[in-house]
Structure formats: structure tokens, C-alpha cells
């Protein structure tokens, strides 16, 4: 035991014997303490936590929301909002949506230079960029690029194999009352294209589109698919069938998060038969329907015959309060202008640490 103790004489107090202090510097069976993670991440986003798991970087999480905490193999502090985050001294915060401009906790973190990453991409392109940006910020560029390639691979493989086949036109309904369709800028549209189909809302740039039943009938999709989330048992298609007649309507359970956070195979397999049904219905038509941006719509491939946006108020993009074309908010660039940044919805990717000394940013970044 002498090898694991160091003794130091502190002197005498009156006639008392010397006080001997034993300091344990090592013990049998105990190794060196584990180093603290280079990055301290607070995740208030279950999707963000799943991203870090896929990147193999979940050990950097030091505080998390309850749902994320339940997934993690190591103990972390539970936080339920930005007000709980600051004591954990994060170097990065993952959020499901941008913070409110008047949120004092958010502005306090931003003023300290703590960046936020909003982990709610709307389509495959945004998800791939988010993986690469997050990997770069955490000094794991190779992991970010590798995971982005893995996520994209199933889509690219299926899409190239179906190029020679006829492409049916489908509408994916994500809301029944009011009627809301997956927009051209969405995972659902990416899913259709990977399976060799087109969406009635493509090539529109919105994430969601509200639409009247009359406007949807005018678009004449080969098939309407009502998408429900896993665990949702209500037969949504039956209530829409009469409303959208004579359009054929079917219901499908689609796990959209699996497309970029897990294995997309099951989701691709679920929607595949509906695409084949749409292709069959299209081939049975007396003449090619005038829909989507498909050959036969106007005599020229690639030209859309969809009604103009806002025509008669029947078709309107659905405002998305969390939408950003660049899903990462850089607190170091915003500084005291956090409120202006949030209200303007202008977000910039955080400069990776290797480049942070230059402080150079894209022209549309916000500077305080």
C-alpha cells in the first residue's frame, strides 16, 4: 500500500502527534481518469441525438432532453429547455426548431458564442448537408461525409435502376383537414423520385402545400397516397376517398425519419407497391394524363401543368415557422443580433474550428 499513498507531515498542534494526511494517488483496479470530451453537446432534439449516434459521436453529449436521455448508453443530465442548458457549459446545442427571438436563455447562449444546430431538415439534400456540417463542426469531417454517402446510397441505387421505366404521378397527403400535401421540397418527394415516380408538387420549392380538393382533382394524379406515421391506426384514407373522388386513394404508413436517421429500406419497400399501382393505373389510361412534369402533360417533357401558386386561392405553400434553407444557426456570427437573426430567418453554418480563426463567412451571413 505504500506505493499508492503519499504521506505529508503537517506539523504539531501542542503536544498532539503530527497530523498525517494520506492522499490516494492510485488504487488497485483503477486506471487513469477518462478525458473530458473535446466538445460538450447539449441535445434538446431527439433527431439530433440520433444523428450523433449515426455519426458515432454520442459520447460528446453531456445534457439531453428526456427522450434523448432514454436512448443514450451513458449517464447525462436531463434538460427540458434552453433555460436548463447553460450550467452544463455546452460548446454546441442541438435544437428541433429555431429558438424564439425573445428567449433570454437562447440570447444568453448566443452572446457567449455557443452555436445552435437546428436538426429538422425537410428533404434529403438538407439532411446530407446537415451531416457534413455537423461532422465538420465536431472536427470529424470524414465521418460526416461517410454517413452522408451511406444515407444517399439507397436512393441513388434505386433511382438509377428505374430510369428506363414509365414514371407515374402521385400525390402524398400529409394532412386531411385542411388538405395538405407534401411539397416538392420534402422527403416524401425524394422518396417518390427514388422509386421512379413524380410528385404533383414537384418542382415546387415549398415543404408543404395546402390545397383544395378541387385543385387536387385538377392536377389529376395517377394515385393519391395518404401518409400516416408509424403507430397511427386511424383509417385516414376512407374519409378522403369520397372527398377526392374519382381519384384513387390509398393509405400508407411511412417512417420518414428512417430515411435519414436509420435504415430506409422498410420505408422504400412500403411505398414501392403504391408506385407500381400508380404506374399500372397510368398505363391503363386511354391517353397519358396531363399531370406532373411528365411527358404528355403539354407535349414537352419536363414542363409542369400544375396550377399556378395562389390561383384562386386553391393552392398555397404552407408557411413553416421552423423552415430554413441552411439549418444551422451560428451564435458566434449573430452575437448581439440574435433577435434580428431569428426574425429574419437567416441562418448560417458554423465555421468549422479549423477555419474559425479567419472569421470569414458567406455574404449572406449575419454580423453583429
Protein backbone atom coordinates (compact mmCIF):
# COMPACT_ATOMS: atom_id res chain seq x y z
CA UNK A 1 0.00 0.00 0.00
CA UNK A 2 2.94 2.36 0.42
CA UNK A 3 3.17 2.64 -3.33
CA UNK A 4 -0.31 4.07 -3.53
CA UNK A 5 -0.05 6.53 -0.64
CA UNK A 6 1.92 9.67 -0.17
CA UNK A 7 2.36 10.98 3.36
CA UNK A 8 2.92 14.57 4.28
CA UNK A 9 3.72 15.89 7.78
CA UNK A 10 1.59 18.92 8.65
CA UNK A 11 3.42 19.70 11.98
CA UNK A 12 2.32 19.54 15.60
CA UNK A 13 -0.57 21.13 17.45
CA UNK A 14 0.56 21.47 21.07
CA UNK A 15 1.60 18.07 22.31
CA UNK A 16 -0.55 16.20 19.76
CA UNK A 17 1.30 13.85 17.45
CA UNK A 18 1.92 15.00 13.94
CA UNK A 19 -1.12 15.01 11.71
CA UNK A 20 -0.52 12.62 8.84
CA UNK A 21 -2.52 13.17 5.69
CA UNK A 22 -2.77 10.22 3.33
CA UNK A 23 -3.58 11.11 -0.26
CA UNK A 24 -4.63 8.31 -2.53
CA UNK A 25 -2.96 8.71 -5.89
CA UNK A 26 -3.78 5.30 -7.32
CA UNK A 27 -5.63 2.18 -6.34
CA UNK A 28 -5.65 -1.39 -7.47
CA UNK A 29 -8.10 -1.86 -10.34
CA UNK A 30 -8.50 1.87 -11.15
CA UNK A 31 -6.96 3.36 -14.24
CA UNK A 32 -6.38 6.94 -15.32
CA UNK A 33 -9.49 9.16 -15.38
CA UNK A 34 -11.21 9.37 -18.73
CA UNK A 35 -10.54 12.65 -20.57
CA UNK A 36 -13.37 15.10 -20.90
CA UNK A 37 -14.92 15.18 -24.39
CA UNK A 38 -13.43 17.83 -26.67
CA UNK A 39 -16.97 19.01 -27.42
CA UNK A 40 -19.74 19.35 -24.89
CA UNK A 41 -23.09 18.97 -26.65
CA UNK A 42 -26.49 19.69 -25.19
CA UNK A 43 -29.17 17.96 -27.25
CA UNK A 44 -32.76 19.12 -26.97
CA UNK A 45 -33.56 17.27 -30.19
CA UNK A 46 -34.20 13.50 -30.33
CA UNK A 47 -33.45 13.66 -34.05
CA UNK A 48 -30.17 15.43 -33.33
CA UNK A 49 -29.28 12.74 -30.81
CA UNK A 50 -29.98 10.07 -33.42
CA UNK A 51 -27.73 11.95 -35.85
CA UNK A 52 -24.87 11.88 -33.36
CA UNK A 53 -25.49 8.16 -32.78
CA UNK A 54 -25.23 7.54 -36.50
CA UNK A 55 -22.01 9.58 -36.59
CA UNK A 56 -20.69 7.60 -33.61
CA UNK A 57 -20.26 10.82 -31.61
CA UNK A 58 -22.97 10.45 -28.98
CA UNK A 59 -20.33 10.32 -26.22
CA UNK A 60 -19.96 14.10 -26.63
CA UNK A 61 -23.49 14.66 -25.28
CA UNK A 62 -23.38 15.96 -21.70
CA UNK A 63 -27.03 17.03 -21.35
CA UNK A 64 -30.15 15.90 -23.20
CA UNK A 65 -33.93 16.04 -23.32
CA UNK A 66 -35.74 13.09 -21.67
CA UNK A 67 -36.38 11.23 -24.94
CA UNK A 68 -32.74 11.53 -25.95
CA UNK A 69 -31.56 10.56 -22.47
CA UNK A 70 -33.51 7.30 -22.72
CA UNK A 71 -31.54 6.36 -25.87
CA UNK A 72 -28.05 7.08 -24.58
CA UNK A 73 -25.85 4.36 -23.09
CA UNK A 74 -24.01 6.75 -20.77
CA UNK A 75 -25.40 8.94 -17.97
CA UNK A 76 -26.15 12.55 -18.88
CA UNK A 77 -28.04 15.35 -17.20
CA UNK A 78 -31.66 15.81 -18.23
CA UNK A 79 -32.60 19.24 -19.59
CA UNK A 80 -36.09 20.25 -20.62
CA UNK A 81 -35.39 23.56 -22.30
CA UNK A 82 -32.73 26.13 -23.11
CA UNK A 83 -33.08 27.61 -19.62
CA UNK A 84 -31.56 24.39 -18.21
CA UNK A 85 -28.64 24.21 -20.64
CA UNK A 86 -26.22 26.96 -19.57
CA UNK A 87 -24.91 25.32 -16.34
CA UNK A 88 -23.60 22.39 -18.41
CA UNK A 89 -21.21 24.69 -20.32
CA UNK A 90 -22.06 23.38 -23.80
CA UNK A 91 -19.94 24.12 -26.84
CA UNK A 92 -22.84 23.21 -29.16
CA UNK A 93 -26.62 22.96 -28.75
CA UNK A 94 -28.90 20.79 -30.92
CA UNK A 95 -32.46 22.06 -31.28
CA UNK A 96 -35.59 20.72 -33.00
CA UNK A 97 -36.51 24.23 -34.18
CA UNK A 98 -35.05 27.74 -34.04
CA UNK A 99 -35.43 29.49 -30.68
CA UNK A 100 -37.90 32.28 -30.09
CA UNK A 101 -36.32 35.66 -30.69
CA UNK A 102 -37.28 36.87 -27.21
CA UNK A 103 -35.95 33.78 -25.42
CA UNK A 104 -33.46 35.13 -22.83
CA UNK A 105 -31.75 31.75 -22.41
CA UNK A 106 -31.18 31.49 -26.16
CA UNK A 107 -29.83 35.01 -26.41
CA UNK A 108 -27.57 34.42 -23.42
CA UNK A 109 -26.01 31.38 -25.07
CA UNK A 110 -25.69 33.16 -28.39
CA UNK A 111 -23.96 36.11 -26.77
CA UNK A 112 -21.45 33.67 -25.26
CA UNK A 113 -20.72 32.31 -28.74
CA UNK A 114 -22.46 28.95 -28.32
CA UNK A 115 -23.81 27.87 -31.74
CA UNK A 116 -27.16 26.16 -32.30
CA UNK A 117 -27.81 23.43 -34.85
CA UNK A 118 -31.44 23.00 -35.91
CA UNK A 119 -31.85 19.32 -36.76
CA UNK A 120 -35.07 19.40 -38.78
CA UNK A 121 -34.17 19.01 -42.45
CA UNK A 122 -37.06 18.90 -44.90
CA UNK A 123 -35.54 16.84 -47.68
CA UNK A 124 -32.62 14.56 -48.47
CA UNK A 125 -30.36 17.35 -49.71
CA UNK A 126 -30.70 19.24 -46.43
CA UNK A 127 -30.12 16.08 -44.39
CA UNK A 128 -26.90 15.25 -46.26
CA UNK A 129 -25.64 18.81 -45.83
CA UNK A 130 -26.50 18.69 -42.14
CA UNK A 131 -24.47 15.51 -41.58
CA UNK A 132 -21.47 17.04 -43.34
CA UNK A 133 -21.77 20.34 -41.46
CA UNK A 134 -22.14 18.64 -38.09
CA UNK A 135 -19.18 16.39 -38.81
CA UNK A 136 -17.05 19.37 -39.81
CA UNK A 137 -18.03 21.34 -36.70
CA UNK A 138 -17.07 18.39 -34.47
CA UNK A 139 -13.77 18.00 -36.34
CA UNK A 140 -14.91 14.71 -37.82
CA UNK A 141 -15.19 15.67 -41.48
CA UNK A 142 -14.57 12.12 -42.65
CA UNK A 143 -17.42 10.73 -40.57
CA UNK A 144 -19.81 13.39 -41.79
CA UNK A 145 -19.06 12.68 -45.44
CA UNK A 146 -19.17 8.91 -44.93
CA UNK A 147 -22.58 8.96 -43.24
CA UNK A 148 -23.94 11.36 -45.87
CA UNK A 149 -22.83 8.89 -48.56
CA UNK A 150 -24.43 5.99 -46.69
CA UNK A 151 -27.73 7.86 -46.40
CA UNK A 152 -27.76 8.78 -50.09
CA UNK A 153 -26.72 5.37 -51.43
CA UNK A 154 -30.13 3.57 -51.32
CA UNK A 155 -31.80 6.48 -53.12
CA UNK A 156 -29.17 6.66 -55.84
CA UNK A 157 -29.17 2.90 -56.40
CA UNK A 158 -32.93 2.65 -56.81
CA UNK A 159 -33.25 5.82 -58.86
CA UNK A 160 -30.68 4.75 -61.46
CA UNK A 161 -32.28 1.30 -61.80
CA UNK A 162 -35.69 2.82 -62.62
CA UNK A 163 -34.68 5.46 -65.16
CA UNK A 164 -35.97 3.50 -68.14
CA UNK A 165 -39.43 2.82 -66.69
CA UNK A 166 -42.51 4.98 -67.03
CA UNK A 167 -42.92 7.43 -64.16
CA UNK A 168 -46.35 7.68 -62.57
CA UNK A 169 -47.56 10.86 -60.92
CA UNK A 170 -48.57 10.60 -57.25
CA UNK A 171 -49.84 12.98 -54.58
CA UNK A 172 -48.85 12.34 -50.98
CA UNK A 173 -51.32 13.75 -48.48
CA UNK A 174 -49.89 14.55 -45.03
CA UNK A 175 -52.91 16.40 -43.62
CA UNK A 176 -56.60 15.74 -44.18
CA UNK A 177 -58.42 18.69 -42.58
CA UNK A 178 -57.40 21.01 -44.10
CA UNK A 179 -55.94 19.13 -47.06
CA UNK A 180 -52.13 19.40 -47.02
CA UNK A 181 -49.74 17.76 -49.48
CA UNK A 182 -46.05 17.01 -49.20
CA UNK A 183 -44.37 19.74 -51.21
CA UNK A 184 -41.73 19.49 -53.88
CA UNK A 185 -39.09 20.31 -51.26
CA UNK A 186 -39.71 17.29 -48.99
CA UNK A 187 -38.52 13.81 -48.08
CA UNK A 188 -41.76 12.41 -49.48
CA UNK A 189 -40.98 13.80 -52.94
CA UNK A 190 -37.41 12.45 -52.71
CA UNK A 191 -38.89 9.08 -51.81
CA UNK A 192 -41.18 9.08 -54.84
CA UNK A 193 -38.36 10.00 -57.18
CA UNK A 194 -36.11 7.27 -55.76
CA UNK A 195 -38.88 4.78 -56.56
CA UNK A 196 -39.30 6.00 -60.12
CA UNK A 197 -42.30 8.29 -59.68
CA UNK A 198 -43.03 12.02 -59.62
CA UNK A 199 -44.96 14.22 -57.21
CA UNK A 200 -47.73 16.58 -58.24
CA UNK A 201 -45.99 19.27 -56.20
CA UNK A 202 -42.60 18.89 -57.88
CA UNK A 203 -40.63 21.01 -58.79
CA UNK A 204 -42.13 23.43 -56.27
CA UNK A 205 -39.86 24.72 -53.51
CA UNK A 206 -42.27 24.51 -50.57
CA UNK A 207 -42.11 21.85 -47.88
CA UNK A 208 -45.89 21.58 -47.50
CA UNK A 209 -48.75 22.84 -49.69
CA UNK A 210 -52.33 23.40 -48.69
CA UNK A 211 -54.75 22.60 -51.46
CA UNK A 212 -58.46 22.34 -52.06
CA UNK A 213 -59.98 19.06 -53.21
CA UNK A 214 -60.92 20.74 -56.48
CA UNK A 215 -57.33 21.83 -57.10
CA UNK A 216 -56.02 18.34 -56.41
CA UNK A 217 -58.54 16.79 -58.78
CA UNK A 218 -57.43 19.29 -61.43
CA UNK A 219 -53.83 18.05 -61.04
CA UNK A 220 -55.12 14.54 -61.87
CA UNK A 221 -52.53 12.39 -60.09
CA UNK A 222 -52.48 8.74 -61.03
CA UNK A 223 -52.81 7.88 -57.32
CA UNK A 224 -53.29 9.72 -54.03
CA UNK A 225 -51.41 8.23 -51.07
CA UNK A 226 -52.43 9.30 -47.58
CA UNK A 227 -49.27 9.07 -45.44
CA UNK A 228 -49.64 8.25 -41.74
CA UNK A 229 -46.90 7.93 -39.14
CA UNK A 230 -46.00 4.59 -37.52
CA UNK A 231 -48.38 3.80 -34.67
CA UNK A 232 -51.25 5.74 -36.25
CA UNK A 233 -54.15 3.34 -36.73
CA UNK A 234 -56.98 5.66 -37.82
CA UNK A 235 -58.10 4.86 -41.41
CA UNK A 236 -57.47 8.34 -42.83
CA UNK A 237 -57.86 7.26 -46.47
CA UNK A 238 -61.51 6.24 -46.07
CA UNK A 239 -62.55 9.75 -45.04
CA UNK A 240 -60.75 11.29 -48.01
CA UNK A 241 -61.92 8.79 -50.61
CA UNK A 242 -65.35 10.38 -51.09
CA UNK A 243 -63.95 13.89 -50.83
CA UNK A 244 -61.41 13.32 -53.62
CA UNK A 245 -63.49 11.05 -55.89
CA UNK A 246 -62.96 9.99 -58.63
CA UNK A 247 -59.24 9.99 -57.74
CA UNK A 248 -57.97 6.64 -56.42
CA UNK A 249 -56.91 6.98 -52.76
CA UNK A 250 -54.80 4.60 -50.68
CA UNK A 251 -53.17 4.79 -47.23
CA UNK A 252 -49.53 4.01 -46.38
CA UNK A 253 -47.60 4.05 -43.10
CA UNK A 254 -44.36 5.90 -43.80
CA UNK A 255 -41.49 6.29 -41.34
CA UNK A 256 -39.96 9.41 -42.86
CA UNK A 257 -37.31 9.79 -40.12
CA UNK A 258 -35.91 6.38 -41.04
CA UNK A 259 -34.97 7.73 -44.47
CA UNK A 260 -32.09 9.76 -43.00
CA UNK A 261 -31.67 8.60 -39.39
CA UNK A 262 -31.82 4.81 -39.76
CA UNK A 263 -32.28 2.20 -42.48
CA UNK A 264 -34.58 3.49 -45.24
CA UNK A 265 -35.17 0.01 -46.69
CA UNK A 266 -38.51 -0.61 -44.97
CA UNK A 267 -39.93 2.81 -45.92
CA UNK A 268 -38.87 2.34 -49.53
CA UNK A 269 -40.40 -1.12 -49.53
CA UNK A 270 -43.70 0.14 -48.09
CA UNK A 271 -44.20 2.83 -50.73
CA UNK A 272 -42.91 0.73 -53.62
CA UNK A 273 -46.20 -1.17 -54.30
CA UNK A 274 -48.13 2.12 -54.37
CA UNK A 275 -45.78 3.48 -57.02
CA UNK A 276 -46.32 0.29 -59.02
CA UNK A 277 -50.09 0.71 -58.64
CA UNK A 278 -49.81 4.27 -59.91
CA UNK A 279 -47.74 3.06 -62.85
CA UNK A 280 -50.35 0.41 -63.65
CA UNK A 281 -53.22 2.90 -63.47
CA UNK A 282 -51.33 5.28 -65.72
CA UNK A 283 -50.70 2.59 -68.32
CA UNK A 284 -54.40 1.69 -68.36
CA UNK A 285 -55.50 5.23 -69.16
CA UNK A 286 -56.81 5.82 -72.68
CA UNK A 287 -54.32 8.68 -73.05
CA UNK A 288 -51.48 9.88 -70.80
CA UNK A 289 -52.94 12.04 -68.02
CA UNK A 290 -51.96 15.68 -68.04
CA UNK A 291 -50.21 15.72 -64.71
CA UNK A 292 -46.88 16.38 -63.01
CA UNK A 293 -43.96 17.43 -65.17
CA UNK A 294 -44.19 14.26 -67.22
CA UNK A 295 -44.19 13.65 -70.98
CA UNK A 296 -47.70 14.04 -72.33
CA UNK A 297 -48.60 16.82 -69.93
CA UNK A 298 -48.05 19.55 -72.50
CA UNK A 299 -46.21 17.81 -75.32
CA UNK A 300 -42.81 18.75 -73.87
CA UNK A 301 -41.08 16.65 -71.19
CA UNK A 302 -40.29 18.50 -68.02
CA UNK A 303 -42.91 21.22 -68.37
CA UNK A 304 -45.31 21.36 -65.45
CA UNK A 305 -49.03 21.91 -65.96
CA UNK A 306 -49.73 22.37 -62.25
CA UNK A 307 -51.95 25.35 -61.48
CA UNK A 308 -50.06 28.47 -60.63
CA UNK A 309 -49.50 29.03 -56.95
CA UNK A 310 -52.28 31.04 -55.30
CA UNK A 311 -54.53 30.61 -58.35
CA UNK A 312 -57.95 31.31 -57.00
CA UNK A 313 -56.61 30.70 -53.51
CA UNK A 314 -56.81 26.96 -54.10
CA UNK A 315 -53.13 26.11 -53.77
CA UNK A 316 -50.83 27.82 -51.32
CA UNK A 317 -47.49 26.98 -49.76
CA UNK A 318 -47.92 26.21 -46.07
CA UNK A 319 -45.80 28.60 -44.00
CA UNK A 320 -43.30 26.66 -41.95
CA UNK A 321 -42.14 28.64 -38.91
CA UNK A 322 -39.10 26.40 -38.46
CA UNK A 323 -38.03 26.38 -42.10
CA UNK A 324 -34.50 27.45 -43.00
CA UNK A 325 -32.61 26.72 -46.18
CA UNK A 326 -29.46 26.39 -44.05
CA UNK A 327 -30.41 24.54 -40.89
CA UNK A 328 -27.55 25.75 -38.72
CA UNK A 329 -27.57 28.92 -36.65
CA UNK A 330 -24.14 30.30 -35.82
CA UNK A 331 -24.22 32.07 -32.49
CA UNK A 332 -20.71 33.48 -32.97
CA UNK A 333 -21.82 35.35 -36.09
CA UNK A 334 -25.03 36.60 -34.57
CA UNK A 335 -23.84 37.87 -31.21
CA UNK A 336 -25.97 40.78 -30.14
CA UNK A 337 -28.11 40.47 -33.28
CA UNK A 338 -29.77 37.24 -32.17
CA UNK A 339 -33.23 38.75 -32.26
CA UNK A 340 -32.71 40.12 -35.76
CA UNK A 341 -31.34 36.77 -36.92
CA UNK A 342 -34.34 34.87 -35.67
CA UNK A 343 -36.93 37.24 -37.07
CA UNK A 344 -35.19 37.39 -40.45
CA UNK A 345 -34.90 33.57 -40.57
CA UNK A 346 -31.38 33.93 -41.94
CA UNK A 347 -29.17 31.15 -40.67
CA UNK A 348 -25.53 30.42 -41.41
CA UNK A 349 -23.50 27.29 -40.90
CA UNK A 350 -20.97 27.43 -38.07
CA UNK A 351 -17.43 27.78 -39.31
CA UNK A 352 -15.57 24.54 -38.55
CA UNK A 353 -12.87 25.00 -35.89
CA UNK A 354 -10.06 24.59 -38.41
CA UNK A 355 -11.30 27.68 -40.24
CA UNK A 356 -12.58 29.70 -37.31
CA UNK A 357 -9.54 31.95 -36.98
CA UNK A 358 -10.24 33.71 -40.27
CA UNK A 359 -13.79 34.65 -39.24
CA UNK A 360 -14.71 34.70 -42.96
CA UNK A 361 -18.32 33.87 -43.75
CA UNK A 362 -20.61 33.75 -46.71
CA UNK A 363 -22.02 37.10 -47.96
CA UNK A 364 -25.48 36.40 -46.62
CA UNK A 365 -24.31 35.70 -43.06
CA UNK A 366 -25.47 37.95 -40.28
CA UNK A 367 -22.88 40.00 -38.44
CA UNK A 368 -23.44 41.88 -35.24
